[in-house]
Amino acid sequence: MNAQPAPAAARRIVWPSVVTVISAAILIGAEVFGAAFAGGWALAILFGLDDFGAHILQAVLFALGVFIMITFIRAARRVEPFTRRG
């Protein structure tokens, strides 16, 4: 009837999973944020926006990229758990 949580030493970091997810996040992040910057610039030219409009569009696409990266990391942690008991 001991309701205390398991000690922290009972969980071990699975380094290959951590390295895999971080490496994939760096690769995908470079693509996502590069596309956000270039896409914002291209769309601003297409719609005839000035520099301020281009920066606003890039910021919106950058925020979308942050959302995509957060979603990717959460999904990747379900597939490649960072910790394991024992």
PDB file of N, CA and C in Angstrom:
ATOM      1  N   MET A   1       0.817  -1.177   0.000  1.00  0.00           N
ATOM      2  CA  MET A   1       0.000   0.000   0.000  1.00  0.00           C
ATOM      3  C   MET A   1       0.865   1.247   0.000  1.00  0.00           C
ATOM      4  N   ASN A   2       1.979   1.159  -0.651  1.00  0.00           N
ATOM      5  CA  ASN A   2       2.876   2.292  -0.774  1.00  0.00           C
ATOM      6  C   ASN A   2       2.536   3.041  -2.059  1.00  0.00           C
ATOM      7  N   ALA A   3       2.043   4.271  -1.960  1.00  0.00           N
ATOM      8  CA  ALA A   3       1.607   5.052  -3.115  1.00  0.00           C
ATOM      9  C   ALA A   3       2.670   6.036  -3.591  1.00  0.00           C
ATOM     10  N   GLN A   4       3.913   5.831  -3.205  1.00  0.00           N
ATOM     11  CA  GLN A   4       4.974   6.737  -3.621  1.00  0.00           C
ATOM     12  C   GLN A   4       5.374   6.420  -5.061  1.00  0.00           C
ATOM     13  N   PRO A   5       5.737   7.470  -5.842  1.00  0.00           N
ATOM     14  CA  PRO A   5       6.156   7.228  -7.218  1.00  0.00           C
ATOM     15  C   PRO A   5       7.490   6.484  -7.266  1.00  0.00           C
ATOM     16  N   ALA A   6       7.740   5.834  -8.377  1.00  0.00           N
ATOM     17  CA  ALA A   6       8.990   5.102  -8.560  1.00  0.00           C
ATOM     18  C   ALA A   6      10.153   6.083  -8.544  1.00  0.00           C
ATOM     19  N   PRO A   7      11.294   5.681  -8.049  1.00  0.00           N
ATOM     20  CA  PRO A   7      12.448   6.585  -8.023  1.00  0.00           C
ATOM     21  C   PRO A   7      12.891   6.954  -9.435  1.00  0.00           C
ATOM     22  N   ALA A   8      13.511   8.119  -9.548  1.00  0.00           N
ATOM     23  CA  ALA A   8      13.945   8.613 -10.856  1.00  0.00           C
ATOM     24  C   ALA A   8      14.994   7.701 -11.486  1.00  0.00           C
ATOM     25  N   ALA A   9      15.751   6.996 -10.664  1.00  0.00           N
ATOM     26  CA  ALA A   9      16.793   6.119 -11.191  1.00  0.00           C
ATOM     27  C   ALA A   9      16.207   4.920 -11.923  1.00  0.00           C
ATOM     28  N   ALA A  10      14.913   4.649 -11.748  1.00  0.00           N
ATOM     29  CA  ALA A  10      14.296   3.510 -12.406  1.00  0.00           C
ATOM     30  C   ALA A  10      14.070   3.773 -13.895  1.00  0.00           C
ATOM     31  N   ARG A  11      14.154   5.016 -14.324  1.00  0.00           N
ATOM     32  CA  ARG A  11      13.967   5.348 -15.738  1.00  0.00           C
ATOM     33  C   ARG A  11      15.333   5.628 -16.373  1.00  0.00           C
ATOM     34  N   ARG A  12      15.523   5.085 -17.558  1.00  0.00           N
ATOM     35  CA  ARG A  12      16.790   5.287 -18.259  1.00  0.00           C
ATOM     36  C   ARG A  12      16.524   5.977 -19.583  1.00  0.00           C
ATOM     37  N   ILE A  13      17.431   6.853 -19.964  1.00  0.00           N
ATOM     38  CA  ILE A  13      17.324   7.543 -21.243  1.00  0.00           C
ATOM     39  C   ILE A  13      17.769   6.600 -22.354  1.00  0.00           C
ATOM     40  N   VAL A  14      16.986   6.519 -23.401  1.00  0.00           N
ATOM     41  CA  VAL A  14      17.314   5.692 -24.569  1.00  0.00           C
ATOM     42  C   VAL A  14      17.978   6.624 -25.586  1.00  0.00           C
ATOM     43  N   TRP A  15      19.291   6.709 -25.510  1.00  0.00           N
ATOM     44  CA  TRP A  15      20.028   7.687 -26.313  1.00  0.00           C
ATOM     45  C   TRP A  15      19.872   7.508 -27.815  1.00  0.00           C
ATOM     46  N   PRO A  16      19.849   6.290 -28.350  1.00  0.00           N
ATOM     47  CA  PRO A  16      19.640   6.182 -29.809  1.00  0.00           C
ATOM     48  C   PRO A  16      18.317   6.802 -30.267  1.00  0.00           C
ATOM     49  N   SER A  17      17.273   6.656 -29.472  1.00  0.00           N
ATOM     50  CA  SER A  17      15.987   7.267 -29.824  1.00  0.00           C
ATOM     51  C   SER A  17      16.057   8.783 -29.749  1.00  0.00           C
ATOM     52  N   VAL A  18      16.715   9.296 -28.729  1.00  0.00           N
ATOM     53  CA  VAL A  18      16.845  10.749 -28.564  1.00  0.00           C
ATOM     54  C   VAL A  18      17.630  11.337 -29.738  1.00  0.00           C
ATOM     55  N   VAL A  19      18.735  10.706 -30.080  1.00  0.00           N
ATOM     56  CA  VAL A  19      19.566  11.203 -31.187  1.00  0.00           C
ATOM     57  C   VAL A  19      18.811  11.125 -32.509  1.00  0.00           C
ATOM     58  N   THR A  20      18.061  10.050 -32.726  1.00  0.00           N
ATOM     59  CA  THR A  20      17.287   9.908 -33.957  1.00  0.00           C
ATOM     60  C   THR A  20      16.254  11.016 -34.094  1.00  0.00           C
ATOM     61  N   VAL A  21      15.504  11.266 -33.031  1.00  0.00           N
ATOM     62  CA  VAL A  21      14.454  12.291 -33.084  1.00  0.00           C
ATOM     63  C   VAL A  21      15.066  13.684 -33.249  1.00  0.00           C
ATOM     64  N   ILE A  22      16.131  13.978 -32.533  1.00  0.00           N
ATOM     65  CA  ILE A  22      16.771  15.297 -32.648  1.00  0.00           C
ATOM     66  C   ILE A  22      17.340  15.496 -34.052  1.00  0.00           C
ATOM     67  N   SER A  23      17.967  14.466 -34.598  1.00  0.00           N
ATOM     68  CA  SER A  23      18.521  14.571 -35.951  1.00  0.00           C
ATOM     69  C   SER A  23      17.430  14.812 -36.983  1.00  0.00           C
ATOM     70  N   ALA A  24      16.341  14.066 -36.873  1.00  0.00           N
ATOM     71  CA  ALA A  24      15.222  14.256 -37.805  1.00  0.00           C
ATOM     72  C   ALA A  24      14.608  15.639 -37.628  1.00  0.00           C
ATOM     73  N   ALA A  25      14.517  16.118 -36.379  1.00  0.00           N
ATOM     74  CA  ALA A  25      13.945  17.442 -36.125  1.00  0.00           C
ATOM     75  C   ALA A  25      14.811  18.538 -36.737  1.00  0.00           C
ATOM     76  N   ILE A  26      16.126  18.385 -36.679  1.00  0.00           N
ATOM     77  CA  ILE A  26      17.022  19.377 -37.289  1.00  0.00           C
ATOM     78  C   ILE A  26      16.832  19.399 -38.799  1.00  0.00           C
ATOM     79  N   LEU A  27      16.777  18.239 -39.414  1.00  0.00           N
ATOM     80  CA  LEU A  27      16.601  18.148 -40.858  1.00  0.00           C
ATOM     81  C   LEU A  27      15.250  18.722 -41.282  1.00  0.00           C
ATOM     82  N   ILE A  28      14.193  18.280 -40.648  1.00  0.00           N
ATOM     83  CA  ILE A  28      12.852  18.738 -41.005  1.00  0.00           C
ATOM     84  C   ILE A  28      12.676  20.212 -40.659  1.00  0.00           C
ATOM     85  N   GLY A  29      13.243  20.644 -39.529  1.00  0.00           N
ATOM     86  CA  GLY A  29      13.154  22.048 -39.147  1.00  0.00           C
ATOM     87  C   GLY A  29      13.813  22.962 -40.167  1.00  0.00           C
ATOM     88  N   ALA A  30      14.976  22.555 -40.682  1.00  0.00           N
ATOM     89  CA  ALA A  30      15.645  23.364 -41.702  1.00  0.00           C
ATOM     90  C   ALA A  30      14.770  23.507 -42.938  1.00  0.00           C
ATOM     91  N   GLU A  31      14.108  22.427 -43.313  1.00  0.00           N
ATOM     92  CA  GLU A  31      13.235  22.471 -44.483  1.00  0.00           C
ATOM     93  C   GLU A  31      11.987  23.315 -44.220  1.00  0.00           C
ATOM     94  N   VAL A  32      11.376  23.110 -43.064  1.00  0.00           N
ATOM     95  CA  VAL A  32      10.132  23.821 -42.741  1.00  0.00           C
ATOM     96  C   VAL A  32      10.377  25.326 -42.626  1.00  0.00           C
ATOM     97  N   PHE A  33      11.400  25.718 -41.882  1.00  0.00           N
ATOM     98  CA  PHE A  33      11.643  27.144 -41.683  1.00  0.00           C
ATOM     99  C   PHE A  33      12.231  27.801 -42.929  1.00  0.00           C
ATOM    100  N   GLY A  34      13.001  27.061 -43.702  1.00  0.00           N
ATOM    101  CA  GLY A  34      13.467  27.586 -44.992  1.00  0.00           C
ATOM    102  C   GLY A  34      12.302  27.809 -45.940  1.00  0.00           C
ATOM    103  N   ALA A  35      11.373  26.858 -45.962  1.00  0.00           N
ATOM    104  CA  ALA A  35      10.187  27.011 -46.814  1.00  0.00           C
ATOM    105  C   ALA A  35       9.312  28.160 -46.332  1.00  0.00           C
ATOM    106  N   ALA A  36       9.224  28.368 -45.018  1.00  0.00           N
ATOM    107  CA  ALA A  36       8.431  29.477 -44.481  1.00  0.00           C
ATOM    108  C   ALA A  36       9.025  30.812 -44.914  1.00  0.00           C
ATOM    109  N   PHE A  37      10.338  30.927 -44.832  1.00  0.00           N
ATOM    110  CA  PHE A  37      10.993  32.181 -45.223  1.00  0.00           C
ATOM    111  C   PHE A  37      10.856  32.421 -46.728  1.00  0.00           C
ATOM    112  N   ALA A  38      11.212  31.411 -47.519  1.00  0.00           N
ATOM    113  CA  ALA A  38      11.155  31.566 -48.977  1.00  0.00           C
ATOM    114  C   ALA A  38       9.716  31.694 -49.465  1.00  0.00           C
ATOM    115  N   GLY A  39       8.815  30.930 -48.861  1.00  0.00           N
ATOM    116  CA  GLY A  39       7.411  31.006 -49.264  1.00  0.00           C
ATOM    117  C   GLY A  39       6.802  32.357 -48.956  1.00  0.00           C
ATOM    118  N   GLY A  40       7.124  32.906 -47.802  1.00  0.00           N
ATOM    119  CA  GLY A  40       6.633  34.235 -47.454  1.00  0.00           C
ATOM    120  C   GLY A  40       7.142  35.294 -48.410  1.00  0.00           C
ATOM    121  N   TRP A  41       8.385  35.195 -48.766  1.00  0.00           N
ATOM    122  CA  TRP A  41       8.987  36.138 -49.717  1.00  0.00           C
ATOM    123  C   TRP A  41       8.323  36.010 -51.085  1.00  0.00           C
ATOM    124  N   ALA A  42       8.156  34.753 -51.552  1.00  0.00           N
ATOM    125  CA  ALA A  42       7.562  34.524 -52.874  1.00  0.00           C
ATOM    126  C   ALA A  42       6.097  34.968 -52.911  1.00  0.00           C
ATOM    127  N   LEU A  43       5.344  34.650 -51.873  1.00  0.00           N
ATOM    128  CA  LEU A  43       3.936  35.049 -51.831  1.00  0.00           C
ATOM    129  C   LEU A  43       3.790  36.571 -51.746  1.00  0.00           C
ATOM    130  N   ALA A  44       4.703  37.209 -51.040  1.00  0.00           N
ATOM    131  CA  ALA A  44       4.660  38.675 -50.956  1.00  0.00           C
ATOM    132  C   ALA A  44       4.865  39.301 -52.330  1.00  0.00           C
ATOM    133  N   ILE A  45       5.787  38.759 -53.103  1.00  0.00           N
ATOM    134  CA  ILE A  45       5.998  39.260 -54.466  1.00  0.00           C
ATOM    135  C   ILE A  45       4.775  38.977 -55.334  1.00  0.00           C
ATOM    136  N   LEU A  46       4.225  37.769 -55.197  1.00  0.00           N
ATOM    137  CA  LEU A  46       3.060  37.389 -55.985  1.00  0.00           C
ATOM    138  C   LEU A  46       1.872  38.314 -55.726  1.00  0.00           C
ATOM    139  N   PHE A  47       1.654  38.668 -54.461  1.00  0.00           N
ATOM    140  CA  PHE A  47       0.526  39.516 -54.103  1.00  0.00           C
ATOM    141  C   PHE A  47       0.862  41.006 -54.121  1.00  0.00           C
ATOM    142  N   GLY A  48       2.098  41.357 -54.470  1.00  0.00           N
ATOM    143  CA  GLY A  48       2.497  42.747 -54.568  1.00  0.00           C
ATOM    144  C   GLY A  48       2.610  43.456 -53.225  1.00  0.00           C
ATOM    145  N   LEU A  49       3.012  42.731 -52.186  1.00  0.00           N
ATOM    146  CA  LEU A  49       3.145  43.332 -50.860  1.00  0.00           C
ATOM    147  C   LEU A  49       4.488  44.038 -50.726  1.00  0.00           C
ATOM    148  N   ASP A  50       4.554  45.013 -49.836  1.00  0.00           N
ATOM    149  CA  ASP A  50       5.824  45.691 -49.577  1.00  0.00           C
ATOM    150  C   ASP A  50       6.646  44.858 -48.585  1.00  0.00           C
ATOM    151  N   ASP A  51       7.771  45.398 -48.151  1.00  0.00           N
ATOM    152  CA  ASP A  51       8.655  44.655 -47.241  1.00  0.00           C
ATOM    153  C   ASP A  51       7.967  44.316 -45.923  1.00  0.00           C
ATOM    154  N   PHE A  52       7.196  45.253 -45.404  1.00  0.00           N
ATOM    155  CA  PHE A  52       6.496  45.005 -44.137  1.00  0.00           C
ATOM    156  C   PHE A  52       5.505  43.847 -44.289  1.00  0.00           C
ATOM    157  N   GLY A  53       4.767  43.841 -45.378  1.00  0.00           N
ATOM    158  CA  GLY A  53       3.823  42.753 -45.644  1.00  0.00           C
ATOM    159  C   GLY A  53       4.532  41.419 -45.794  1.00  0.00           C
ATOM    160  N   ALA A  54       5.703  41.440 -46.430  1.00  0.00           N
ATOM    161  CA  ALA A  54       6.485  40.209 -46.589  1.00  0.00           C
ATOM    162  C   ALA A  54       6.923  39.683 -45.234  1.00  0.00           C
ATOM    163  N   HIS A  55       7.352  40.580 -44.355  1.00  0.00           N
ATOM    164  CA  HIS A  55       7.790  40.145 -43.022  1.00  0.00           C
ATOM    165  C   HIS A  55       6.626  39.591 -42.209  1.00  0.00           C
ATOM    166  N   ILE A  56       5.462  40.198 -42.338  1.00  0.00           N
ATOM    167  CA  ILE A  56       4.280  39.682 -41.640  1.00  0.00           C
ATOM    168  C   ILE A  56       3.936  38.287 -42.157  1.00  0.00           C
ATOM    169  N   LEU A  57       3.936  38.117 -43.468  1.00  0.00           N
ATOM    170  CA  LEU A  57       3.636  36.813 -44.064  1.00  0.00           C
ATOM    171  C   LEU A  57       4.664  35.766 -43.647  1.00  0.00           C
ATOM    172  N   GLN A  58       5.923  36.144 -43.609  1.00  0.00           N
ATOM    173  CA  GLN A  58       6.960  35.224 -43.165  1.00  0.00           C
ATOM    174  C   GLN A  58       6.765  34.854 -41.697  1.00  0.00           C
ATOM    175  N   ALA A  59       6.368  35.807 -40.873  1.00  0.00           N
ATOM    176  CA  ALA A  59       6.130  35.511 -39.450  1.00  0.00           C
ATOM    177  C   ALA A  59       4.967  34.547 -39.279  1.00  0.00           C
ATOM    178  N   VAL A  60       3.923  34.723 -40.068  1.00  0.00           N
ATOM    179  CA  VAL A  60       2.781  33.802 -39.986  1.00  0.00           C
ATOM    180  C   VAL A  60       3.200  32.397 -40.411  1.00  0.00           C
ATOM    181  N   LEU A  61       3.939  32.294 -41.494  1.00  0.00           N
ATOM    182  CA  LEU A  61       4.401  30.987 -41.950  1.00  0.00           C
ATOM    183  C   LEU A  61       5.418  30.380 -40.972  1.00  0.00           C
ATOM    184  N   PHE A  62       6.220  31.215 -40.334  1.00  0.00           N
ATOM    185  CA  PHE A  62       7.159  30.747 -39.321  1.00  0.00           C
ATOM    186  C   PHE A  62       6.391  30.156 -38.136  1.00  0.00           C
ATOM    187  N   ALA A  63       5.320  30.832 -37.694  1.00  0.00           N
ATOM    188  CA  ALA A  63       4.492  30.309 -36.597  1.00  0.00           C
ATOM    189  C   ALA A  63       3.869  28.977 -36.988  1.00  0.00           C
ATOM    190  N   LEU A  64       3.433  28.862 -38.232  1.00  0.00           N
ATOM    191  CA  LEU A  64       2.912  27.584 -38.716  1.00  0.00           C
ATOM    192  C   LEU A  64       4.004  26.515 -38.676  1.00  0.00           C
ATOM    193  N   GLY A  65       5.220  26.898 -39.009  1.00  0.00           N
ATOM    194  CA  GLY A  65       6.349  25.967 -38.939  1.00  0.00           C
ATOM    195  C   GLY A  65       6.628  25.512 -37.522  1.00  0.00           C
ATOM    196  N   VAL A  66       6.507  26.407 -36.552  1.00  0.00           N
ATOM    197  CA  VAL A  66       6.687  26.025 -35.143  1.00  0.00           C
ATOM    198  C   VAL A  66       5.633  25.000 -34.748  1.00  0.00           C
ATOM    199  N   PHE A  67       4.385  25.229 -35.156  1.00  0.00           N
ATOM    200  CA  PHE A  67       3.316  24.273 -34.880  1.00  0.00           C
ATOM    201  C   PHE A  67       3.629  22.908 -35.509  1.00  0.00           C
ATOM    202  N   ILE A  68       4.099  22.907 -36.738  1.00  0.00           N
ATOM    203  CA  ILE A  68       4.450  21.655 -37.417  1.00  0.00           C
ATOM    204  C   ILE A  68       5.570  20.931 -36.669  1.00  0.00           C
ATOM    205  N   MET A  69       6.574  21.671 -36.215  1.00  0.00           N
ATOM    206  CA  MET A  69       7.688  21.033 -35.508  1.00  0.00           C
ATOM    207  C   MET A  69       7.250  20.471 -34.158  1.00  0.00           C
ATOM    208  N   ILE A  70       6.403  21.185 -33.436  1.00  0.00           N
ATOM    209  CA  ILE A  70       5.897  20.673 -32.162  1.00  0.00           C
ATOM    210  C   ILE A  70       5.113  19.393 -32.392  1.00  0.00           C
ATOM    211  N   THR A  71       4.267  19.386 -33.416  1.00  0.00           N
ATOM    212  CA  THR A  71       3.500  18.196 -33.746  1.00  0.00           C
ATOM    213  C   THR A  71       4.414  17.041 -34.121  1.00  0.00           C
ATOM    214  N   PHE A  72       5.464  17.323 -34.889  1.00  0.00           N
ATOM    215  CA  PHE A  72       6.406  16.279 -35.275  1.00  0.00           C
ATOM    216  C   PHE A  72       7.112  15.679 -34.063  1.00  0.00           C
ATOM    217  N   ILE A  73       7.595  16.524 -33.160  1.00  0.00           N
ATOM    218  CA  ILE A  73       8.319  16.029 -31.982  1.00  0.00           C
ATOM    219  C   ILE A  73       7.396  15.172 -31.114  1.00  0.00           C
ATOM    220  N   ARG A  74       6.162  15.610 -30.917  1.00  0.00           N
ATOM    221  CA  ARG A  74       5.218  14.819 -30.116  1.00  0.00           C
ATOM    222  C   ARG A  74       4.960  13.459 -30.753  1.00  0.00           C
ATOM    223  N   ALA A  75       4.760  13.437 -32.051  1.00  0.00           N
ATOM    224  CA  ALA A  75       4.517  12.170 -32.738  1.00  0.00           C
ATOM    225  C   ALA A  75       5.761  11.277 -32.707  1.00  0.00           C
ATOM    226  N   ALA A  76       6.924  11.880 -32.870  1.00  0.00           N
ATOM    227  CA  ALA A  76       8.171  11.104 -32.868  1.00  0.00           C
ATOM    228  C   ALA A  76       8.436  10.486 -31.499  1.00  0.00           C
ATOM    229  N   ARG A  77       8.076  11.185 -30.421  1.00  0.00           N
ATOM    230  CA  ARG A  77       8.291  10.638 -29.073  1.00  0.00           C
ATOM    231  C   ARG A  77       7.392   9.448 -28.816  1.00  0.00           C
ATOM    232  N   ARG A  78       6.220   9.398 -29.465  1.00  0.00           N
ATOM    233  CA  ARG A  78       5.363   8.218 -29.307  1.00  0.00           C
ATOM    234  C   ARG A  78       5.973   7.013 -30.008  1.00  0.00           C
ATOM    235  N   VAL A  79       6.617   7.248 -31.149  1.00  0.00           N
ATOM    236  CA  VAL A  79       7.210   6.151 -31.916  1.00  0.00           C
ATOM    237  C   VAL A  79       8.562   5.748 -31.324  1.00  0.00           C
ATOM    238  N   GLU A  80       9.350   6.722 -30.935  1.00  0.00           N
ATOM    239  CA  GLU A  80      10.693   6.494 -30.373  1.00  0.00           C
ATOM    240  C   GLU A  80      10.730   7.055 -28.960  1.00  0.00           C
ATOM    241  N   PRO A  81      10.310   6.286 -27.952  1.00  0.00           N
ATOM    242  CA  PRO A  81      10.287   6.817 -26.573  1.00  0.00           C
ATOM    243  C   PRO A  81      11.689   7.222 -26.104  1.00  0.00           C
ATOM    244  N   PHE A  82      11.735   8.324 -25.357  1.00  0.00           N
ATOM    245  CA  PHE A  82      13.021   8.833 -24.872  1.00  0.00           C
ATOM    246  C   PHE A  82      13.481   8.125 -23.591  1.00  0.00           C
ATOM    247  N   THR A  83      12.564   7.525 -22.846  1.00  0.00           N
ATOM    248  CA  THR A  83      12.944   6.843 -21.612  1.00  0.00           C
ATOM    249  C   THR A  83      12.346   5.451 -21.579  1.00  0.00           C
ATOM    250  N   ARG A  84      12.956   4.623 -20.710  1.00  0.00           N
ATOM    251  CA  ARG A  84      12.507   3.255 -20.546  1.00  0.00           C
ATOM    252  C   ARG A  84      12.751   2.864 -19.095  1.00  0.00           C
ATOM    253  N   ARG A  85      11.892   2.071 -18.557  1.00  0.00           N
ATOM    254  CA  ARG A  85      12.069   1.593 -17.178  1.00  0.00           C
ATOM    255  C   ARG A  85      13.151   0.512 -17.146  1.00  0.00           C
ATOM    256  N   GLY A  86      13.889   0.562 -16.051  1.00  0.00           N
ATOM    257  CA  GLY A  86      14.877  -0.502 -15.849  1.00  0.00           C
ATOM    258  C   GLY A  86      16.182  -0.090 -16.241  1.00  0.00           C
TER     259      GLY A  86
END
